[in-house]
PDB file of all heavy atoms in Angstrom:
ATOM      1  N   ASN A   1       4.878 -31.730  46.320  1.00  0.00           N
ATOM      2  CA  ASN A   1       4.763 -30.843  47.470  1.00  0.00           C
ATOM      3  C   ASN A   1       3.521 -29.964  47.328  1.00  0.00           C
ATOM      4  O   ASN A   1       2.823 -30.002  46.311  1.00  0.00           O
ATOM      5  CB  ASN A   1       6.044 -30.022  47.680  1.00  0.00           C
ATOM      6  CG  ASN A   1       6.328 -29.052  46.542  1.00  0.00           C
ATOM      7  OD1 ASN A   1       5.425 -28.588  45.850  1.00  0.00           O
ATOM      8  ND2 ASN A   1       7.596 -28.738  46.339  1.00  0.00           N
ATOM      9  N   VAL A   2       3.256 -29.170  48.336  1.00  0.00           N
ATOM     10  CA  VAL A   2       2.037 -28.358  48.373  1.00  0.00           C
ATOM     11  C   VAL A   2       1.952 -27.409  47.185  1.00  0.00           C
ATOM     12  O   VAL A   2       0.914 -27.315  46.511  1.00  0.00           O
ATOM     13  CB  VAL A   2       1.969 -27.568  49.699  1.00  0.00           C
ATOM     14  CG1 VAL A   2       0.910 -26.480  49.633  1.00  0.00           C
ATOM     15  CG2 VAL A   2       1.693 -28.521  50.859  1.00  0.00           C
ATOM     16  N   LEU A   3       3.036 -26.715  46.894  1.00  0.00           N
ATOM     17  CA  LEU A   3       3.039 -25.747  45.797  1.00  0.00           C
ATOM     18  C   LEU A   3       2.753 -26.429  44.464  1.00  0.00           C
ATOM     19  O   LEU A   3       1.963 -25.931  43.647  1.00  0.00           O
ATOM     20  CB  LEU A   3       4.378 -25.013  45.748  1.00  0.00           C
ATOM     21  CG  LEU A   3       4.431 -23.770  44.857  1.00  0.00           C
ATOM     22  CD1 LEU A   3       3.503 -22.691  45.409  1.00  0.00           C
ATOM     23  CD2 LEU A   3       5.857 -23.237  44.772  1.00  0.00           C
ATOM     24  N   ASP A   4       3.366 -27.582  44.232  1.00  0.00           N
ATOM     25  CA  ASP A   4       3.148 -28.307  42.980  1.00  0.00           C
ATOM     26  C   ASP A   4       1.721 -28.855  42.877  1.00  0.00           C
ATOM     27  O   ASP A   4       1.156 -28.921  41.789  1.00  0.00           O
ATOM     28  CB  ASP A   4       4.152 -29.446  42.838  1.00  0.00           C
ATOM     29  CG  ASP A   4       5.554 -28.947  42.552  1.00  0.00           C
ATOM     30  OD1 ASP A   4       5.688 -27.793  42.089  1.00  0.00           O
ATOM     31  OD2 ASP A   4       6.523 -29.692  42.792  1.00  0.00           O
ATOM     32  N   ASN A   5       1.141 -29.270  44.011  1.00  0.00           N
ATOM     33  CA  ASN A   5      -0.243 -29.731  44.011  1.00  0.00           C
ATOM     34  C   ASN A   5      -1.183 -28.643  43.521  1.00  0.00           C
ATOM     35  O   ASN A   5      -2.114 -28.902  42.758  1.00  0.00           O
ATOM     36  CB  ASN A   5      -0.658 -30.180  45.417  1.00  0.00           C
ATOM     37  CG  ASN A   5      -0.577 -31.684  45.600  1.00  0.00           C
ATOM     38  OD1 ASN A   5      -1.404 -32.434  45.079  1.00  0.00           O
ATOM     39  ND2 ASN A   5       0.428 -32.134  46.333  1.00  0.00           N
ATOM     40  N   ILE A   6      -0.930 -27.412  43.955  1.00  0.00           N
ATOM     41  CA  ILE A   6      -1.826 -26.306  43.612  1.00  0.00           C
ATOM     42  C   ILE A   6      -1.624 -25.828  42.182  1.00  0.00           C
ATOM     43  O   ILE A   6      -2.572 -25.426  41.507  1.00  0.00           O
ATOM     44  CB  ILE A   6      -1.640 -25.140  44.606  1.00  0.00           C
ATOM     45  CG1 ILE A   6      -2.011 -25.597  46.022  1.00  0.00           C
ATOM     46  CG2 ILE A   6      -2.479 -23.928  44.207  1.00  0.00           C
ATOM     47  CD1 ILE A   6      -1.723 -24.564  47.094  1.00  0.00           C
ATOM     48  N   THR A   7      -0.385 -25.885  41.687  1.00  0.00           N
ATOM     49  CA  THR A   7      -0.091 -25.336  40.358  1.00  0.00           C
ATOM     50  C   THR A   7      -0.171 -26.372  39.233  1.00  0.00           C
ATOM     51  O   THR A   7      -0.154 -26.003  38.060  1.00  0.00           O
ATOM     52  CB  THR A   7       1.319 -24.712  40.335  1.00  0.00           C
ATOM     53  OG1 THR A   7       2.296 -25.722  40.663  1.00  0.00           O
ATOM     54  CG2 THR A   7       1.417 -23.571  41.338  1.00  0.00           C
ATOM     55  N   LEU A   8      -0.288 -27.654  39.564  1.00  0.00           N
ATOM     56  CA  LEU A   8      -0.242 -28.704  38.542  1.00  0.00           C
ATOM     57  C   LEU A   8      -1.344 -28.547  37.488  1.00  0.00           C
ATOM     58  O   LEU A   8      -1.058 -28.478  36.288  1.00  0.00           O
ATOM     59  CB  LEU A   8      -0.352 -30.081  39.211  1.00  0.00           C
ATOM     60  CG  LEU A   8      -0.267 -31.284  38.255  1.00  0.00           C
ATOM     61  CD1 LEU A   8       1.116 -31.360  37.619  1.00  0.00           C
ATOM     62  CD2 LEU A   8      -0.576 -32.576  38.999  1.00  0.00           C
ATOM     63  N   ALA A   9      -2.590 -28.512  37.911  1.00  0.00           N
ATOM     64  CA  ALA A   9      -3.705 -28.439  36.960  1.00  0.00           C
ATOM     65  C   ALA A   9      -3.705 -27.145  36.143  1.00  0.00           C
ATOM     66  O   ALA A   9      -3.877 -27.191  34.914  1.00  0.00           O
ATOM     67  CB  ALA A   9      -5.034 -28.629  37.684  1.00  0.00           C
ATOM     68  N   PRO A  10      -3.529 -25.977  36.770  1.00  0.00           N
ATOM     69  CA  PRO A  10      -3.531 -24.747  35.967  1.00  0.00           C
ATOM     70  C   PRO A  10      -2.453 -24.720  34.891  1.00  0.00           C
ATOM     71  O   PRO A  10      -2.696 -24.261  33.781  1.00  0.00           O
ATOM     72  CB  PRO A  10      -3.288 -23.653  37.019  1.00  0.00           C
ATOM     73  CG  PRO A  10      -3.788 -24.229  38.286  1.00  0.00           C
ATOM     74  CD  PRO A  10      -3.452 -25.698  38.209  1.00  0.00           C
ATOM     75  N   THR A  11      -1.251 -25.244  35.218  1.00  0.00           N
ATOM     76  CA  THR A  11      -0.160 -25.178  34.243  1.00  0.00           C
ATOM     77  C   THR A  11      -0.297 -26.229  33.147  1.00  0.00           C
ATOM     78  O   THR A  11       0.079 -25.990  31.998  1.00  0.00           O
ATOM     79  CB  THR A  11       1.205 -25.346  34.941  1.00  0.00           C
ATOM     80  OG1 THR A  11       1.196 -26.549  35.720  1.00  0.00           O
ATOM     81  CG2 THR A  11       1.483 -24.166  35.854  1.00  0.00           C
ATOM     82  N   ILE A  12      -0.853 -27.393  33.472  1.00  0.00           N
ATOM     83  CA  ILE A  12      -0.971 -28.459  32.471  1.00  0.00           C
ATOM     84  C   ILE A  12      -2.273 -28.360  31.691  1.00  0.00           C
ATOM     85  O   ILE A  12      -2.288 -28.393  30.457  1.00  0.00           O
ATOM     86  CB  ILE A  12      -0.857 -29.843  33.136  1.00  0.00           C
ATOM     87  CG1 ILE A  12       0.561 -30.051  33.684  1.00  0.00           C
ATOM     88  CG2 ILE A  12      -1.215 -30.953  32.145  1.00  0.00           C
ATOM     89  CD1 ILE A  12       0.790 -31.388  34.344  1.00  0.00           C
ATOM     90  N   VAL A  13      -3.394 -28.217  32.402  1.00  0.00           N
ATOM     91  CA  VAL A  13      -4.704 -28.210  31.741  1.00  0.00           C
ATOM     92  C   VAL A  13      -5.015 -26.860  31.111  1.00  0.00           C
ATOM     93  O   VAL A  13      -5.458 -26.777  29.968  1.00  0.00           O
ATOM     94  CB  VAL A  13      -5.815 -28.595  32.747  1.00  0.00           C
ATOM     95  CG1 VAL A  13      -7.188 -28.540  32.084  1.00  0.00           C
ATOM     96  CG2 VAL A  13      -5.552 -29.981  33.319  1.00  0.00           C
ATOM     97  N   LYS A  14      -4.774 -25.783  31.865  1.00  0.00           N
ATOM     98  CA  LYS A  14      -5.119 -24.448  31.366  1.00  0.00           C
ATOM     99  C   LYS A  14      -3.931 -23.698  30.771  1.00  0.00           C
ATOM    100  O   LYS A  14      -4.067 -22.538  30.363  1.00  0.00           O
ATOM    101  CB  LYS A  14      -5.743 -23.624  32.497  1.00  0.00           C
ATOM    102  CG  LYS A  14      -7.067 -24.211  32.971  1.00  0.00           C
ATOM    103  CD  LYS A  14      -7.768 -23.278  33.938  1.00  0.00           C
ATOM    104  CE  LYS A  14      -9.139 -23.832  34.298  1.00  0.00           C
ATOM    105  NZ  LYS A  14      -9.887 -22.906  35.201  1.00  0.00           N
ATOM    106  N   LYS A  15      -2.760 -24.359  30.732  1.00  0.00           N
ATOM    107  CA  LYS A  15      -1.558 -23.794  30.117  1.00  0.00           C
ATOM    108  C   LYS A  15      -1.168 -22.448  30.736  1.00  0.00           C
ATOM    109  O   LYS A  15      -0.657 -21.556  30.052  1.00  0.00           O
ATOM    110  CB  LYS A  15      -1.757 -23.625  28.603  1.00  0.00           C
ATOM    111  CG  LYS A  15      -2.263 -24.864  27.889  1.00  0.00           C
ATOM    112  CD  LYS A  15      -1.321 -26.043  28.042  1.00  0.00           C
ATOM    113  CE  LYS A  15      -1.841 -27.269  27.301  1.00  0.00           C
ATOM    114  NZ  LYS A  15      -0.997 -28.461  27.524  1.00  0.00           N
ATOM    115  N   ALA A  16      -1.410 -22.306  32.028  1.00  0.00           N
ATOM    116  CA  ALA A  16      -1.059 -21.060  32.720  1.00  0.00           C
ATOM    117  C   ALA A  16       0.452 -20.953  32.883  1.00  0.00           C
ATOM    118  O   ALA A  16       1.167 -21.958  32.917  1.00  0.00           O
ATOM    119  CB  ALA A  16      -1.740 -21.010  34.082  1.00  0.00           C
ATOM    120  N   ASP A  17       0.942 -19.724  32.975  1.00  0.00           N
ATOM    121  CA  ASP A  17       2.373 -19.488  33.168  1.00  0.00           C
ATOM    122  C   ASP A  17       2.805 -20.032  34.528  1.00  0.00           C
ATOM    123  O   ASP A  17       2.153 -19.785  35.543  1.00  0.00           O
ATOM    124  CB  ASP A  17       2.647 -17.977  33.093  1.00  0.00           C
ATOM    125  CG  ASP A  17       4.103 -17.655  33.338  1.00  0.00           C
ATOM    126  OD1 ASP A  17       4.924 -17.905  32.439  1.00  0.00           O
ATOM    127  OD2 ASP A  17       4.407 -17.156  34.439  1.00  0.00           O
ATOM    128  N   LYS A  18       3.898 -20.772  34.545  1.00  0.00           N
ATOM    129  CA  LYS A  18       4.357 -21.439  35.758  1.00  0.00           C
ATOM    130  C   LYS A  18       4.672 -20.440  36.863  1.00  0.00           C
ATOM    131  O   LYS A  18       4.238 -20.596  38.022  1.00  0.00           O
ATOM    132  CB  LYS A  18       5.605 -22.273  35.437  1.00  0.00           C
ATOM    133  CG  LYS A  18       6.245 -22.960  36.642  1.00  0.00           C
ATOM    134  CD  LYS A  18       5.424 -24.108  37.157  1.00  0.00           C
ATOM    135  CE  LYS A  18       6.168 -24.897  38.203  1.00  0.00           C
ATOM    136  NZ  LYS A  18       5.356 -25.984  38.798  1.00  0.00           N
ATOM    137  N   ALA A  19       5.430 -19.403  36.551  1.00  0.00           N
ATOM    138  CA  ALA A  19       5.825 -18.423  37.562  1.00  0.00           C
ATOM    139  C   ALA A  19       4.610 -17.695  38.127  1.00  0.00           C
ATOM    140  O   ALA A  19       4.503 -17.485  39.346  1.00  0.00           O
ATOM    141  CB  ALA A  19       6.808 -17.425  36.967  1.00  0.00           C
ATOM    142  N   LYS A  20       3.684 -17.322  37.253  1.00  0.00           N
ATOM    143  CA  LYS A  20       2.479 -16.624  37.714  1.00  0.00           C
ATOM    144  C   LYS A  20       1.611 -17.545  38.563  1.00  0.00           C
ATOM    145  O   LYS A  20       1.027 -17.124  39.570  1.00  0.00           O
ATOM    146  CB  LYS A  20       1.685 -16.114  36.515  1.00  0.00           C
ATOM    147  CG  LYS A  20       0.489 -15.264  36.907  1.00  0.00           C
ATOM    148  CD  LYS A  20      -0.220 -14.695  35.695  1.00  0.00           C
ATOM    149  CE  LYS A  20      -1.410 -13.836  36.126  1.00  0.00           C
ATOM    150  NZ  LYS A  20      -2.119 -13.261  34.943  1.00  0.00           N
ATOM    151  N   SER A  21       1.522 -18.815  38.165  1.00  0.00           N
ATOM    152  CA  SER A  21       0.734 -19.788  38.926  1.00  0.00           C
ATOM    153  C   SER A  21       1.307 -19.973  40.325  1.00  0.00           C
ATOM    154  O   SER A  21       0.567 -20.084  41.303  1.00  0.00           O
ATOM    155  CB  SER A  21       0.703 -21.135  38.194  1.00  0.00           C
ATOM    156  OG  SER A  21      -0.067 -21.049  37.019  1.00  0.00           O
ATOM    157  N   GLU A  22       2.630 -20.021  40.429  1.00  0.00           N
ATOM    158  CA  GLU A  22       3.264 -20.170  41.745  1.00  0.00           C
ATOM    159  C   GLU A  22       3.024 -18.938  42.606  1.00  0.00           C
ATOM    160  O   GLU A  22       2.792 -19.051  43.820  1.00  0.00           O
ATOM    161  CB  GLU A  22       4.760 -20.425  41.572  1.00  0.00           C
ATOM    162  CG  GLU A  22       5.075 -21.811  41.021  1.00  0.00           C
ATOM    163  CD  GLU A  22       6.555 -22.101  40.999  1.00  0.00           C
ATOM    164  OE1 GLU A  22       7.358 -21.178  41.306  1.00  0.00           O
ATOM    165  OE2 GLU A  22       6.936 -23.247  40.669  1.00  0.00           O
ATOM    166  N   GLU A  23       3.055 -17.765  41.996  1.00  0.00           N
ATOM    167  CA  GLU A  23       2.793 -16.526  42.737  1.00  0.00           C
ATOM    168  C   GLU A  23       1.358 -16.530  43.284  1.00  0.00           C
ATOM    169  O   GLU A  23       1.128 -16.181  44.450  1.00  0.00           O
ATOM    170  CB  GLU A  23       3.004 -15.329  41.812  1.00  0.00           C
ATOM    171  CG  GLU A  23       2.766 -13.989  42.482  1.00  0.00           C
ATOM    172  CD  GLU A  23       2.958 -12.819  41.517  1.00  0.00           C
ATOM    173  OE1 GLU A  23       3.452 -13.045  40.390  1.00  0.00           O
ATOM    174  OE2 GLU A  23       2.585 -11.691  41.885  1.00  0.00           O
ATOM    175  N   GLU A  24       0.395 -16.926  42.450  1.00  0.00           N
ATOM    176  CA  GLU A  24      -0.996 -16.973  42.887  1.00  0.00           C
ATOM    177  C   GLU A  24      -1.201 -18.058  43.937  1.00  0.00           C
ATOM    178  O   GLU A  24      -1.989 -17.882  44.882  1.00  0.00           O
ATOM    179  CB  GLU A  24      -1.907 -17.215  41.685  1.00  0.00           C
ATOM    180  CG  GLU A  24      -1.948 -16.037  40.712  1.00  0.00           C
ATOM    181  CD  GLU A  24      -2.849 -16.302  39.531  1.00  0.00           C
ATOM    182  OE1 GLU A  24      -3.298 -17.457  39.357  1.00  0.00           O
ATOM    183  OE2 GLU A  24      -3.112 -15.350  38.766  1.00  0.00           O
ATOM    184  N   ALA A  25      -0.494 -19.183  43.778  1.00  0.00           N
ATOM    185  CA  ALA A  25      -0.605 -20.277  44.750  1.00  0.00           C
ATOM    186  C   ALA A  25      -0.107 -19.836  46.121  1.00  0.00           C
ATOM    187  O   ALA A  25      -0.714 -20.143  47.150  1.00  0.00           O
ATOM    188  CB  ALA A  25       0.171 -21.496  44.259  1.00  0.00           C
ATOM    189  N   ARG A  26       0.999 -19.110  46.141  1.00  0.00           N
ATOM    190  CA  ARG A  26       1.535 -18.623  47.421  1.00  0.00           C
ATOM    191  C   ARG A  26       0.569 -17.626  48.070  1.00  0.00           C
ATOM    192  O   ARG A  26       0.426 -17.591  49.298  1.00  0.00           O
ATOM    193  CB  ARG A  26       2.908 -17.987  47.206  1.00  0.00           C
ATOM    194  CG  ARG A  26       3.993 -18.989  46.838  1.00  0.00           C
ATOM    195  CD  ARG A  26       5.355 -18.332  46.716  1.00  0.00           C
ATOM    196  NE  ARG A  26       6.355 -19.262  46.211  1.00  0.00           N
ATOM    197  CZ  ARG A  26       6.993 -20.164  46.955  1.00  0.00           C
ATOM    198  NH1 ARG A  26       6.730 -20.229  48.255  1.00  0.00           N
ATOM    199  NH2 ARG A  26       7.884 -20.972  46.420  1.00  0.00           N
ATOM    200  N   ALA A  27      -0.093 -16.828  47.250  1.00  0.00           N
ATOM    201  CA  ALA A  27      -1.073 -15.879  47.791  1.00  0.00           C
ATOM    202  C   ALA A  27      -2.248 -16.621  48.419  1.00  0.00           C
ATOM    203  O   ALA A  27      -2.755 -16.230  49.486  1.00  0.00           O
ATOM    204  CB  ALA A  27      -1.566 -14.951  46.677  1.00  0.00           C
ATOM    205  N   LEU A  28      -2.675 -17.712  47.784  1.00  0.00           N
ATOM    206  CA  LEU A  28      -3.763 -18.519  48.339  1.00  0.00           C
ATOM    207  C   LEU A  28      -3.334 -19.213  49.629  1.00  0.00           C
ATOM    208  O   LEU A  28      -4.102 -19.297  50.587  1.00  0.00           O
ATOM    209  CB  LEU A  28      -4.228 -19.559  47.312  1.00  0.00           C
ATOM    210  CG  LEU A  28      -5.068 -19.015  46.151  1.00  0.00           C
ATOM    211  CD1 LEU A  28      -5.202 -20.064  45.063  1.00  0.00           C
ATOM    212  CD2 LEU A  28      -6.427 -18.573  46.640  1.00  0.00           C
ATOM    213  N   LEU A  29      -2.105 -19.711  49.652  1.00  0.00           N
ATOM    214  CA  LEU A  29      -1.591 -20.343  50.868  1.00  0.00           C
ATOM    215  C   LEU A  29      -1.515 -19.334  52.013  1.00  0.00           C
ATOM    216  O   LEU A  29      -1.815 -19.666  53.164  1.00  0.00           O
ATOM    217  CB  LEU A  29      -0.202 -20.942  50.601  1.00  0.00           C
ATOM    218  CG  LEU A  29      -0.178 -22.206  49.734  1.00  0.00           C
ATOM    219  CD1 LEU A  29       1.258 -22.595  49.417  1.00  0.00           C
ATOM    220  CD2 LEU A  29      -0.892 -23.348  50.438  1.00  0.00           C
ATOM    221  N   ARG A  30      -1.149 -18.103  51.677  1.00  0.00           N
ATOM    222  CA  ARG A  30      -1.118 -17.048  52.693  1.00  0.00           C
ATOM    223  C   ARG A  30      -2.526 -16.799  53.229  1.00  0.00           C
ATOM    224  O   ARG A  30      -2.731 -16.603  54.426  1.00  0.00           O
ATOM    225  CB  ARG A  30      -0.551 -15.770  52.075  1.00  0.00           C
ATOM    226  CG  ARG A  30      -0.233 -14.672  53.081  1.00  0.00           C
ATOM    227  CD  ARG A  30       0.372 -13.449  52.370  1.00  0.00           C
ATOM    228  NE  ARG A  30       1.473 -13.834  51.492  1.00  0.00           N
ATOM    229  CZ  ARG A  30       1.460 -13.652  50.171  1.00  0.00           C
ATOM    230  NH1 ARG A  30       0.419 -13.111  49.584  1.00  0.00           N
ATOM    231  NH2 ARG A  30       2.495 -14.032  49.446  1.00  0.00           N
ATOM    232  N   ARG A  31      -3.493 -16.872  52.342  1.00  0.00           N
ATOM    233  CA  ARG A  31      -4.876 -16.609  52.734  1.00  0.00           C
ATOM    234  C   ARG A  31      -5.409 -17.671  53.690  1.00  0.00           C
ATOM    235  O   ARG A  31      -6.233 -17.380  54.562  1.00  0.00           O
ATOM    236  CB  ARG A  31      -5.748 -16.520  51.481  1.00  0.00           C
ATOM    237  CG  ARG A  31      -7.175 -16.124  51.734  1.00  0.00           C
ATOM    238  CD  ARG A  31      -7.891 -15.830  50.442  1.00  0.00           C
ATOM    239  NE  ARG A  31      -7.401 -14.588  49.859  1.00  0.00           N
ATOM    240  CZ  ARG A  31      -7.357 -14.338  48.541  1.00  0.00           C
ATOM    241  NH1 ARG A  31      -7.727 -15.264  47.700  1.00  0.00           N
ATOM    242  NH2 ARG A  31      -6.920 -13.187  48.098  1.00  0.00           N
ATOM    243  N   VAL A  32      -4.963 -18.908  53.515  1.00  0.00           N
ATOM    244  CA  VAL A  32      -5.432 -19.965  54.415  1.00  0.00           C
ATOM    245  C   VAL A  32      -4.434 -20.268  55.535  1.00  0.00           C
ATOM    246  O   VAL A  32      -4.540 -21.269  56.227  1.00  0.00           O
ATOM    247  CB  VAL A  32      -5.748 -21.266  53.630  1.00  0.00           C
ATOM    248  CG1 VAL A  32      -6.873 -21.039  52.647  1.00  0.00           C
ATOM    249  CG2 VAL A  32      -4.515 -21.821  52.921  1.00  0.00           C
ATOM    250  N   GLY A  33      -3.426 -19.400  55.689  1.00  0.00           N
ATOM    251  CA  GLY A  33      -2.503 -19.498  56.807  1.00  0.00           C
ATOM    252  C   GLY A  33      -1.456 -20.578  56.691  1.00  0.00           C
ATOM    253  O   GLY A  33      -0.925 -21.041  57.711  1.00  0.00           O
ATOM    254  N   LEU A  34      -1.092 -20.974  55.471  1.00  0.00           N
ATOM    255  CA  LEU A  34      -0.123 -22.062  55.305  1.00  0.00           C
ATOM    256  C   LEU A  34       0.988 -21.711  54.314  1.00  0.00           C
ATOM    257  O   LEU A  34       1.533 -22.591  53.646  1.00  0.00           O
ATOM    258  CB  LEU A  34      -0.846 -23.337  54.834  1.00  0.00           C
ATOM    259  CG  LEU A  34      -1.754 -24.012  55.862  1.00  0.00           C
ATOM    260  CD1 LEU A  34      -2.486 -25.188  55.223  1.00  0.00           C
ATOM    261  CD2 LEU A  34      -0.951 -24.495  57.071  1.00  0.00           C
ATOM    262  N   GLU A  35       1.346 -20.449  54.237  1.00  0.00           N
ATOM    263  CA  GLU A  35       2.384 -20.047  53.297  1.00  0.00           C
ATOM    264  C   GLU A  35       3.708 -20.742  53.578  1.00  0.00           C
ATOM    265  O   GLU A  35       4.481 -21.044  52.665  1.00  0.00           O
ATOM    266  CB  GLU A  35       2.572 -18.525  53.353  1.00  0.00           C
ATOM    267  CG  GLU A  35       3.535 -17.993  52.306  1.00  0.00           C
ATOM    268  CD  GLU A  35       3.697 -16.492  52.377  1.00  0.00           C
ATOM    269  OE1 GLU A  35       3.278 -15.900  53.395  1.00  0.00           O
ATOM    270  OE2 GLU A  35       4.238 -15.902  51.422  1.00  0.00           O
ATOM    271  N   ASP A  36       3.965 -21.060  54.848  1.00  0.00           N
ATOM    272  CA  ASP A  36       5.227 -21.689  55.210  1.00  0.00           C
ATOM    273  C   ASP A  36       5.262 -23.180  54.875  1.00  0.00           C
ATOM    274  O   ASP A  36       6.289 -23.837  55.064  1.00  0.00           O
ATOM    275  CB  ASP A  36       5.496 -21.501  56.708  1.00  0.00           C
ATOM    276  CG  ASP A  36       4.429 -22.126  57.580  1.00  0.00           C
ATOM    277  OD1 ASP A  36       3.261 -22.210  57.135  1.00  0.00           O
ATOM    278  OD2 ASP A  36       4.740 -22.528  58.714  1.00  0.00           O
ATOM    279  N   LYS A  37       4.160 -23.732  54.349  1.00  0.00           N
ATOM    280  CA  LYS A  37       4.087 -25.151  54.014  1.00  0.00           C
ATOM    281  C   LYS A  37       4.207 -25.403  52.506  1.00  0.00           C
ATOM    282  O   LYS A  37       3.957 -26.514  52.053  1.00  0.00           O
ATOM    283  CB  LYS A  37       2.767 -25.745  54.513  1.00  0.00           C
ATOM    284  CG  LYS A  37       2.558 -25.649  56.027  1.00  0.00           C
ATOM    285  CD  LYS A  37       3.586 -26.459  56.781  1.00  0.00           C
ATOM    286  CE  LYS A  37       3.314 -26.425  58.281  1.00  0.00           C
ATOM    287  NZ  LYS A  37       4.336 -27.180  59.044  1.00  0.00           N
ATOM    288  N   ALA A  38       4.620 -24.418  51.742  1.00  0.00           N
ATOM    289  CA  ALA A  38       4.683 -24.553  50.282  1.00  0.00           C
ATOM    290  C   ALA A  38       5.558 -25.721  49.834  1.00  0.00           C
ATOM    291  O   ALA A  38       5.253 -26.408  48.853  1.00  0.00           O
ATOM    292  CB  ALA A  38       5.178 -23.254  49.652  1.00  0.00           C
ATOM    293  N   ALA A  39       6.645 -25.975  50.547  1.00  0.00           N
ATOM    294  CA  ALA A  39       7.581 -27.032  50.157  1.00  0.00           C
ATOM    295  C   ALA A  39       7.295 -28.367  50.849  1.00  0.00           C
ATOM    296  O   ALA A  39       7.958 -29.367  50.585  1.00  0.00           O
ATOM    297  CB  ALA A  39       9.014 -26.600  50.452  1.00  0.00           C
ATOM    298  N   ALA A  40       6.295 -28.385  51.726  1.00  0.00           N
ATOM    299  CA  ALA A  40       5.961 -29.614  52.458  1.00  0.00           C
ATOM    300  C   ALA A  40       5.170 -30.580  51.587  1.00  0.00           C
ATOM    301  O   ALA A  40       4.530 -30.180  50.607  1.00  0.00           O
ATOM    302  CB  ALA A  40       5.178 -29.265  53.718  1.00  0.00           C
ATOM    303  N   TYR A  41       5.207 -31.861  51.960  1.00  0.00           N
ATOM    304  CA  TYR A  41       4.438 -32.890  51.260  1.00  0.00           C
ATOM    305  C   TYR A  41       3.204 -33.253  52.094  1.00  0.00           C
ATOM    306  O   TYR A  41       3.196 -33.075  53.321  1.00  0.00           O
ATOM    307  CB  TYR A  41       5.308 -34.118  51.008  1.00  0.00           C
ATOM    308  CG  TYR A  41       6.333 -33.902  49.926  1.00  0.00           C
ATOM    309  CD1 TYR A  41       7.539 -33.248  50.208  1.00  0.00           C
ATOM    310  CD2 TYR A  41       6.093 -34.315  48.612  1.00  0.00           C
ATOM    311  CE1 TYR A  41       8.474 -33.020  49.214  1.00  0.00           C
ATOM    312  CE2 TYR A  41       7.029 -34.088  47.606  1.00  0.00           C
ATOM    313  CZ  TYR A  41       8.214 -33.444  47.914  1.00  0.00           C
ATOM    314  OH  TYR A  41       9.134 -33.202  46.925  1.00  0.00           O
ATOM    315  N   PRO A  42       2.132 -33.742  51.451  1.00  0.00           N
ATOM    316  CA  PRO A  42       0.897 -34.057  52.169  1.00  0.00           C
ATOM    317  C   PRO A  42       1.095 -34.906  53.418  1.00  0.00           C
ATOM    318  O   PRO A  42       0.435 -34.687  54.433  1.00  0.00           O
ATOM    319  CB  PRO A  42       0.061 -34.774  51.116  1.00  0.00           C
ATOM    320  CG  PRO A  42       0.487 -34.147  49.818  1.00  0.00           C
ATOM    321  CD  PRO A  42       1.968 -33.924  49.982  1.00  0.00           C
ATOM    322  N   ALA A  43       2.006 -35.880  53.352  1.00  0.00           N
ATOM    323  CA  ALA A  43       2.232 -36.763  54.495  1.00  0.00           C
ATOM    324  C   ALA A  43       2.803 -36.022  55.705  1.00  0.00           C
ATOM    325  O   ALA A  43       2.729 -36.515  56.832  1.00  0.00           O
ATOM    326  CB  ALA A  43       3.172 -37.901  54.105  1.00  0.00           C
ATOM    327  N   GLN A  44       3.359 -34.837  55.470  1.00  0.00           N
ATOM    328  CA  GLN A  44       3.941 -34.048  56.554  1.00  0.00           C
ATOM    329  C   GLN A  44       2.930 -33.087  57.178  1.00  0.00           C
ATOM    330  O   GLN A  44       3.271 -32.345  58.084  1.00  0.00           O
ATOM    331  CB  GLN A  44       5.140 -33.252  56.017  1.00  0.00           C
ATOM    332  CG  GLN A  44       6.268 -34.133  55.486  1.00  0.00           C
ATOM    333  CD  GLN A  44       7.343 -33.328  54.780  1.00  0.00           C
ATOM    334  OE1 GLN A  44       7.055 -32.512  53.909  1.00  0.00           O
ATOM    335  NE2 GLN A  44       8.593 -33.554  55.183  1.00  0.00           N
TER     336      GLN A  44
END
């Protein structure tokens, strides 16, 4: 889903904290006007 797409690399490659990464991802989604699409998949 959208949230996992954004947090995948930071949590695996940079070992970022999962909860913090999700919080930052939601803030970025809010910035681009798509906060309500966090659980959606690309095909949707």
